[in-house]
Protein backbone atom coordinates (compact mmCIF):
# COMPACT_ATOMS: atom_id res chain seq x y z
CA UNK A 1 69.68 81.83 92.28
CA UNK A 2 71.76 84.13 90.13
CA UNK A 3 73.01 82.62 86.87
CA UNK A 4 76.30 83.82 85.42
CA UNK A 5 76.34 83.62 81.59
CA UNK A 6 78.69 80.93 80.30
CA UNK A 7 80.23 82.58 77.27
CA UNK A 8 83.59 81.56 75.85
CA UNK A 9 85.26 84.60 74.31
CA UNK A 10 88.68 84.61 72.75
CA UNK A 11 90.57 87.54 74.34
CA UNK A 12 91.52 89.02 70.97
CA UNK A 13 89.52 87.74 68.03
CA UNK A 14 86.01 87.90 69.54
CA UNK A 15 86.50 91.35 71.05
CA UNK A 16 87.80 92.58 67.70
CA UNK A 17 84.79 91.19 65.83
CA UNK A 18 82.26 92.65 68.26
CA UNK A 19 83.84 96.05 68.76
CA UNK A 20 85.14 96.43 65.22
CA UNK A 21 88.64 97.51 66.32
CA UNK A 22 91.82 96.71 64.46
CA UNK A 23 93.80 95.53 67.46
CA UNK A 24 96.94 94.89 65.43
CA UNK A 25 97.30 98.62 64.85
CA UNK A 26 97.14 99.47 68.55
CA UNK A 27 100.13 99.90 70.87
CA UNK A 28 101.16 96.84 72.87
CA UNK A 29 99.47 95.92 76.13
CA UNK A 30 101.24 97.31 79.18
CA UNK A 31 102.79 94.64 81.40
CA UNK A 32 100.20 93.35 83.85
CA UNK A 33 97.34 95.21 82.15
CA UNK A 34 93.96 93.56 81.80
CA UNK A 35 93.50 92.83 78.05
CA UNK A 36 89.85 93.88 78.25
CA UNK A 37 90.76 97.22 79.84
CA UNK A 38 93.40 97.65 77.14
CA UNK A 39 90.69 97.50 74.47
CA UNK A 40 88.55 100.02 76.30
CA UNK A 41 91.46 102.34 77.00
CA UNK A 42 92.64 102.40 73.40
CA UNK A 43 89.18 103.15 72.06
CA UNK A 44 88.26 106.82 72.30
CA UNK A 45 85.01 106.56 74.20
CA UNK A 46 83.92 109.88 75.59
CA UNK A 47 81.51 110.07 78.46
CA UNK A 48 82.45 106.68 79.88
CA UNK A 49 84.02 106.33 83.29
CA UNK A 50 86.08 103.15 83.08
CA UNK A 51 88.35 102.08 85.90
CA UNK A 52 91.19 99.66 85.32
CA UNK A 53 89.62 96.74 87.13
CA UNK A 54 87.09 95.00 84.94
CA UNK A 55 84.68 94.36 87.79
CA UNK A 56 84.33 98.12 88.33
CA UNK A 57 83.14 98.74 84.77
CA UNK A 58 79.41 99.29 84.76
CA UNK A 59 77.02 97.39 82.56
CA UNK A 60 75.51 100.67 81.35
CA UNK A 61 78.90 102.09 80.36
CA UNK A 62 79.85 99.03 78.35
CA UNK A 63 76.57 98.97 76.46
CA UNK A 64 76.70 102.71 75.91
CA UNK A 65 80.28 102.60 74.68
CA UNK A 66 79.79 99.87 72.15
CA UNK A 67 76.18 100.47 71.19
CA UNK A 68 75.38 96.88 71.96
CA UNK A 69 71.85 97.56 73.14
CA UNK A 70 70.56 94.38 74.66
CA UNK A 71 73.61 92.29 73.77
CA UNK A 72 74.56 92.21 77.45
CA UNK A 73 76.09 88.78 77.28
CA UNK A 74 78.98 89.75 75.04
CA UNK A 75 81.42 90.48 77.86
CA UNK A 76 80.41 88.64 81.03
CA UNK A 77 83.75 89.46 82.66
CA UNK A 78 83.19 93.17 82.10
CA UNK A 79 79.76 93.42 83.61
CA UNK A 80 78.94 94.00 87.22
CA UNK A 81 79.73 91.05 89.44
CA UNK A 82 77.05 88.42 89.61
CA UNK A 83 74.75 88.98 92.57
CA UNK A 84 75.05 86.55 95.42
CA UNK A 85 72.61 83.69 95.62
CA UNK A 86 69.37 84.56 97.33
CA UNK A 87 70.01 81.59 99.59
CA UNK A 88 73.22 82.95 101.10
CA UNK A 89 71.28 84.32 104.07
CA UNK A 90 70.37 80.73 104.97
CA UNK A 91 73.86 79.25 104.88
CA UNK A 92 76.32 78.59 107.69
CA UNK A 93 78.40 81.70 108.33
CA UNK A 94 81.20 81.87 110.89
CA UNK A 95 82.82 85.05 112.27
CA UNK A 96 86.48 85.96 111.99
CA UNK A 97 87.17 86.68 115.68
CA UNK A 98 89.51 89.63 115.13
CA UNK A 99 86.93 91.71 113.26
CA UNK A 100 83.57 89.97 113.45
CA UNK A 101 83.48 89.72 109.66
CA UNK A 102 81.49 86.64 108.69
CA UNK A 103 82.47 84.16 105.99
CA UNK A 104 80.77 81.00 104.68
CA UNK A 105 82.01 78.00 106.65
CA UNK A 106 82.81 75.97 103.53
CA UNK A 107 85.43 77.34 101.18
CA UNK A 108 87.38 76.00 98.22
CA UNK A 109 90.86 74.51 98.29
CA UNK A 110 92.97 74.42 95.14
CA UNK A 111 95.95 72.17 95.92
CA UNK A 112 96.47 69.83 92.93
CA UNK A 113 92.88 70.38 91.77
CA UNK A 114 93.44 73.79 90.14
CA UNK A 115 96.88 73.01 88.71
CA UNK A 116 96.36 72.42 84.98
CA UNK A 117 99.18 72.55 82.46
CA UNK A 118 98.97 75.58 80.14
CA UNK A 119 97.03 74.71 76.99
CA UNK A 120 95.21 71.75 78.52
CA UNK A 121 91.40 71.72 79.03
CA UNK A 122 90.37 73.63 82.13
CA UNK A 123 86.74 74.67 81.60
CA UNK A 124 85.71 72.31 84.38
CA UNK A 125 87.45 74.66 86.82
CA UNK A 126 85.29 77.55 85.68
CA UNK A 127 82.23 75.44 86.37
CA UNK A 128 83.59 74.46 89.81
CA UNK A 129 84.07 78.13 90.70
CA UNK A 130 80.67 79.11 89.32
CA UNK A 131 78.86 76.42 91.33
CA UNK A 132 80.90 77.30 94.40
CA UNK A 133 80.00 80.99 94.19
CA UNK A 134 76.33 80.48 93.37
CA UNK A 135 76.05 78.05 96.28
CA UNK A 136 77.20 80.78 98.67
CA UNK A 137 80.93 80.03 98.80
CA UNK A 138 83.38 82.93 99.02
CA UNK A 139 86.66 81.75 100.62
CA UNK A 140 89.23 80.35 98.15
CA UNK A 141 92.60 79.17 99.39
CA UNK A 142 95.64 78.86 97.12
CA UNK A 143 99.43 79.14 97.00
CA UNK A 144 102.23 79.90 94.53
CA UNK A 145 103.32 76.31 95.16
CA UNK A 146 100.14 74.97 93.61
CA UNK A 147 101.39 75.28 90.05
CA UNK A 148 98.89 77.14 87.86
CA UNK A 149 96.22 77.44 90.56
CA UNK A 150 96.62 81.20 91.09
CA UNK A 151 96.40 81.80 87.34
CA UNK A 152 93.23 79.76 86.96
CA UNK A 153 91.57 81.40 89.95
CA UNK A 154 92.42 84.86 88.66
CA UNK A 155 91.26 84.12 85.12
CA UNK A 156 87.93 82.60 86.05
CA UNK A 157 87.12 84.96 88.89
CA UNK A 158 87.52 87.80 86.38
CA UNK A 159 85.55 85.99 83.67
CA UNK A 160 82.70 85.30 86.10
CA UNK A 161 82.78 88.87 87.42
CA UNK A 162 83.26 87.81 91.04
CA UNK A 163 86.82 88.91 91.77
CA UNK A 164 85.92 91.49 94.41
CA UNK A 165 83.32 89.27 96.05
CA UNK A 166 85.77 86.48 96.85
CA UNK A 167 87.77 86.13 100.05
CA UNK A 168 91.18 85.10 98.72
CA UNK A 169 93.60 83.31 101.03
CA UNK A 170 97.10 82.94 99.62
CA UNK A 171 100.50 81.91 100.96
CA UNK A 172 104.20 82.71 100.96
CA UNK A 173 106.80 79.96 100.80
CA UNK A 174 110.31 81.43 100.50
CA UNK A 175 113.57 81.85 102.35
CA UNK A 176 116.04 84.55 101.25
CA UNK A 177 119.61 85.32 100.29
CA UNK A 178 120.54 85.88 103.93
CA UNK A 179 118.98 85.79 107.39
CA UNK A 180 116.12 88.25 107.54
CA UNK A 181 116.07 88.87 103.77
CA UNK A 182 112.47 89.33 102.61
CA UNK A 183 113.18 90.15 98.94
CA UNK A 184 111.99 86.73 97.79
CA UNK A 185 108.76 87.13 99.76
CA UNK A 186 108.17 90.55 98.23
CA UNK A 187 108.71 89.17 94.71
CA UNK A 188 106.42 86.20 95.27
CA UNK A 189 103.72 88.45 96.72
CA UNK A 190 103.80 90.76 93.70
CA UNK A 191 103.51 87.83 91.33
CA UNK A 192 100.60 86.36 93.28
CA UNK A 193 98.65 89.63 93.06
CA UNK A 194 99.30 89.79 89.32
CA UNK A 195 98.12 86.22 88.80
CA UNK A 196 95.03 86.64 90.96
CA UNK A 197 94.27 90.06 89.44
CA UNK A 198 94.02 91.67 92.87
CA UNK A 199 95.46 94.82 94.41
CA UNK A 200 94.80 93.41 97.89
CA UNK A 201 94.85 89.87 99.27
CA UNK A 202 92.33 89.12 102.02
CA UNK A 203 94.49 86.63 103.90
CA UNK A 204 98.21 85.95 103.46
CA UNK A 205 99.74 82.97 105.23
CA UNK A 206 103.24 81.71 105.89
CA UNK A 207 103.15 78.34 104.14
CA UNK A 208 104.18 75.45 106.38
CA UNK A 209 106.10 77.79 108.70
CA UNK A 210 108.87 78.24 106.10
CA UNK A 211 111.06 81.16 107.22
CA UNK A 212 108.21 82.10 109.56
CA UNK A 213 109.97 84.72 111.66
CA UNK A 214 110.92 86.83 108.64
CA UNK A 215 107.75 86.18 106.65
CA UNK A 216 105.35 86.99 109.48
CA UNK A 217 107.18 90.25 110.14
CA UNK A 218 106.92 91.10 106.43
CA UNK A 219 103.23 90.23 106.38
CA UNK A 220 102.67 92.56 109.32
CA UNK A 221 104.08 95.37 107.19
CA UNK A 222 101.82 94.40 104.28
CA UNK A 223 98.84 94.48 106.60
CA UNK A 224 99.84 97.88 107.95
CA UNK A 225 100.10 99.18 104.37
CA UNK A 226 96.69 97.76 103.45
CA UNK A 227 98.06 95.24 100.95
CA UNK A 228 96.56 92.36 102.95
CA UNK A 229 93.72 92.31 105.47
CA UNK A 230 94.65 89.31 107.61
CA UNK A 231 97.76 87.19 108.25
CA UNK A 232 98.40 83.67 109.45
CA UNK A 233 100.50 80.51 109.28
CA UNK A 234 99.72 77.03 107.96
CA UNK A 235 100.72 73.40 108.22
CA UNK A 236 99.13 70.12 107.18
CA UNK A 237 101.42 67.74 109.04
CA UNK A 238 100.32 66.98 112.65
CA UNK A 239 103.95 66.28 113.56
CA UNK A 240 104.57 70.04 113.19
CA UNK A 241 101.58 71.19 115.23
CA UNK A 242 103.69 71.72 118.34
CA UNK A 243 105.60 74.32 116.33
CA UNK A 244 102.40 75.91 115.05
CA UNK A 245 100.72 76.08 118.47
CA UNK A 246 103.02 78.73 120.05
CA UNK A 247 102.20 81.15 117.23
CA UNK A 248 98.52 80.76 118.08
CA UNK A 249 99.00 80.79 121.84
CA UNK A 250 100.79 84.14 121.85
CA UNK A 251 97.95 85.71 119.84
CA UNK A 252 100.20 86.86 117.01
CA UNK A 253 97.93 85.70 114.18
CA UNK A 254 94.57 86.49 112.65
CA UNK A 255 94.32 82.98 111.16
CA UNK A 256 95.87 79.57 111.52
CA UNK A 257 95.38 76.85 108.92
CA UNK A 258 95.77 73.20 109.94
CA UNK A 259 94.65 69.72 109.04
CA UNK A 260 91.59 68.55 110.92
CA UNK A 261 89.08 65.82 110.12
CA UNK A 262 87.18 62.96 111.64
CA UNK A 263 90.29 60.83 111.11
CA UNK A 264 92.95 63.38 112.16
CA UNK A 265 92.05 65.19 115.37
CA UNK A 266 95.47 66.24 116.71
CA UNK A 267 94.50 69.92 116.35
CA UNK A 268 92.07 69.44 119.24
CA UNK A 269 94.95 69.04 121.69
CA UNK A 270 96.48 72.54 121.55
CA UNK A 271 95.69 74.50 118.43
CA UNK A 272 91.89 74.64 118.52
CA UNK A 273 91.70 75.49 122.25
CA UNK A 274 94.38 78.16 121.80
CA UNK A 275 92.58 79.62 118.79
CA UNK A 276 89.37 79.90 120.75
CA UNK A 277 91.18 81.55 123.70
CA UNK A 278 93.13 84.07 121.59
CA UNK A 279 90.46 84.90 119.01
CA UNK A 280 92.34 83.31 116.11
CA UNK A 281 90.32 82.16 113.11
CA UNK A 282 90.88 78.56 112.03
CA UNK A 283 90.94 77.38 108.43
CA UNK A 284 90.90 73.60 107.95
CA UNK A 285 92.76 71.83 105.17
CA UNK A 286 92.48 68.18 104.10
CA UNK A 287 88.89 67.73 105.39
CA UNK A 288 88.54 64.55 103.30
CA UNK A 289 92.08 63.35 104.01
CA UNK A 290 92.96 63.66 100.31
CA UNK A 291 89.91 61.55 99.35
CA UNK A 292 90.89 58.66 101.62
CA UNK A 293 87.73 59.01 103.71
CA UNK A 294 85.60 58.41 100.62
CA UNK A 295 87.54 55.21 99.97
CA UNK A 296 86.56 53.62 103.26
CA UNK A 297 82.87 54.58 103.03
CA UNK A 298 82.45 53.65 99.36
CA UNK A 299 79.24 51.67 98.92
CA UNK A 300 78.09 52.37 102.46
CA UNK A 301 74.85 54.26 103.15
CA UNK A 302 74.79 57.25 105.44
CA UNK A 303 73.61 56.46 108.96
CA UNK A 304 69.93 57.28 109.45
CA UNK A 305 70.72 59.96 112.03
CA UNK A 306 72.57 62.00 109.37
CA UNK A 307 69.16 63.20 108.17
CA UNK A 308 68.74 65.08 111.45
CA UNK A 309 71.45 67.55 110.35
CA UNK A 310 70.45 67.68 106.70
CA UNK A 311 73.26 65.50 105.32
CA UNK A 312 72.63 64.16 101.84
CA UNK A 313 76.09 62.69 101.24
CA UNK A 314 79.26 61.55 102.95
CA UNK A 315 80.99 64.77 101.87
CA UNK A 316 78.43 66.82 103.79
CA UNK A 317 78.70 64.44 106.75
CA UNK A 318 82.49 64.98 106.92
CA UNK A 319 82.28 68.74 106.41
CA UNK A 320 79.47 69.40 108.88
CA UNK A 321 81.40 67.58 111.58
CA UNK A 322 84.38 69.89 111.01
CA UNK A 323 82.67 73.26 110.66
CA UNK A 324 80.48 72.66 113.70
CA UNK A 325 83.51 72.85 116.00
CA UNK A 326 83.24 76.17 117.87
CA UNK A 327 86.81 77.20 117.01
CA UNK A 328 86.65 76.39 113.29
CA UNK A 329 85.96 79.24 110.89
CA UNK A 330 86.12 77.55 107.49
CA UNK A 331 86.98 74.22 105.84
CA UNK A 332 88.51 74.21 102.36
CA UNK A 333 87.81 71.00 100.41
CA UNK A 334 89.33 70.84 96.93
CA UNK A 335 87.81 69.24 93.85
CA UNK A 336 88.08 69.19 90.07
CA UNK A 337 84.56 67.86 89.65
CA UNK A 338 81.61 70.29 89.34
CA UNK A 339 79.19 67.68 90.71
CA UNK A 340 81.39 67.15 93.74
CA UNK A 341 81.55 70.92 94.22
CA UNK A 342 77.77 71.14 94.29
CA UNK A 343 77.79 68.39 96.90
CA UNK A 344 80.47 70.07 99.04
CA UNK A 345 78.85 73.49 99.06
CA UNK A 346 75.59 71.84 100.12
CA UNK A 347 77.14 71.38 103.56
CA UNK A 348 76.45 75.08 104.16
CA UNK A 349 72.74 74.37 104.35
CA UNK A 350 70.76 72.86 107.18
CA UNK A 351 71.54 72.55 110.88
CA UNK A 352 75.02 71.86 112.20
CA UNK A 353 75.61 69.06 114.70
CA UNK A 354 75.93 69.89 118.38
CA UNK A 355 78.56 68.29 120.63
CA UNK A 356 76.44 65.21 121.24
CA UNK A 357 75.79 64.68 117.56
CA UNK A 358 79.48 65.22 116.69
CA UNK A 359 80.39 62.49 119.13
CA UNK A 360 77.77 60.21 117.61
CA UNK A 361 79.19 60.85 114.12
CA UNK A 362 82.71 60.01 115.29
CA UNK A 363 81.56 56.83 117.03
CA UNK A 364 79.88 55.72 113.82
CA UNK A 365 83.03 56.27 111.78
CA UNK A 366 85.02 54.23 114.29
CA UNK A 367 82.87 51.20 113.41
CA UNK A 368 83.93 51.35 109.74
CA UNK A 369 86.84 49.05 108.80
CA UNK A 370 89.94 50.97 107.79
CA UNK A 371 89.03 54.18 109.60
CA UNK A 372 91.95 53.81 112.00
CA UNK A 373 94.35 53.35 109.07
CA UNK A 374 93.27 56.31 106.90
CA UNK A 375 96.52 58.24 107.38
CA UNK A 376 98.53 55.29 106.05
CA UNK A 377 96.49 54.89 102.86
CA UNK A 378 97.75 56.23 99.51
CA UNK A 379 96.49 59.76 98.88
CA UNK A 380 93.91 60.52 96.19
CA UNK A 381 92.93 56.89 95.54
CA UNK A 382 92.01 56.40 91.89
CA UNK A 383 92.74 60.04 91.05
CA UNK A 384 95.37 61.35 88.63
CA UNK A 385 96.48 64.96 88.18
CA UNK A 386 98.20 66.36 85.12
CA UNK A 387 99.52 69.70 86.26
CA UNK A 388 102.80 71.52 86.61
CA UNK A 389 103.30 70.11 90.11
CA UNK A 390 104.25 66.46 90.38
CA UNK A 391 103.46 64.65 93.59
CA UNK A 392 106.36 62.78 95.13
CA UNK A 393 105.77 59.07 95.60
CA UNK A 394 105.87 57.50 99.04
CA UNK A 395 105.83 53.97 100.28
CA UNK A 396 102.44 52.52 101.29
CA UNK A 397 101.99 52.51 105.05
CA UNK A 398 103.87 55.76 105.62
CA UNK A 399 101.76 58.44 107.24
CA UNK A 400 101.08 61.67 105.36
């Protein structure tokens, strides 16, 4: 398995000490410019072919430019992207129906988990992303609404040298000054690309169907211009699925993202069948029901039959049930805990359950007290988040 060096480098002081440049005497950094590229650009280094994106800078050029010899660990974000794990060929890959492109069936969600207030400790997120990538994960889902999530993804993807290897799914949540106005969408899209340090987003989605008619039309233009590769819509509330379904049924989307888990199976009624019929990829949010599923199985051993599909934990049990559905492309569990990330990404390994086994898994869950009341439980039991986004409180017993 490839190991990405874990080096903490201050963006100004450490570069200055290693390179020997007096950065204070240099012109200011251009708006939106990568600070590392700024250093390279300002230094007069003949014979080096540096492109503006740090992941395109070759290891040989960096070493040649600075005379660092074997000190290859000085700038991990500048070096070639870390090679994929040797085990990626053995993980569960699912095709995107529109193109046949295959992606790992377990991705990474960032709602709440990747929102950390500026200046607060966030190194655990780097470790989460590192473990995710080395375990074979590639799909990361985020949104401008998730506070600082885009910033943290962009920073650590660049630091780990994996920016171009990731499949980034982002969202748009805006209205406009008037009917049909897409200026807010355009502004939000530009900011998202700056935060994520990308010149192209793999998948852009209309978040929770907000202003869907205008936003989807705008996304179609972005796709035509090559600024995004795929487009879709999302929603996490089953009560809105009858509004999501027509978008899927008319074949207007590349992706649809919905909530689907052992405890919430409404998507099976219209959305999953329609996705299979129209060749629409399905991304699944809330696979753990915002940690509620772990609450009801706490202290309980896995059923013996879980070994038949390689499950080593409840997280893998829940994820394998989801990604084994023929219409599902990828599930996106979120976590702040590196150990939990290692557990989640482990669901990519081993056999997936067939229809008979999936039914057996569901029947087992139905014997566990509280399973039929999961949707009414408080979200994220025992978990606190200290980010820019503040979760609204709701009365116990109200479905979410």
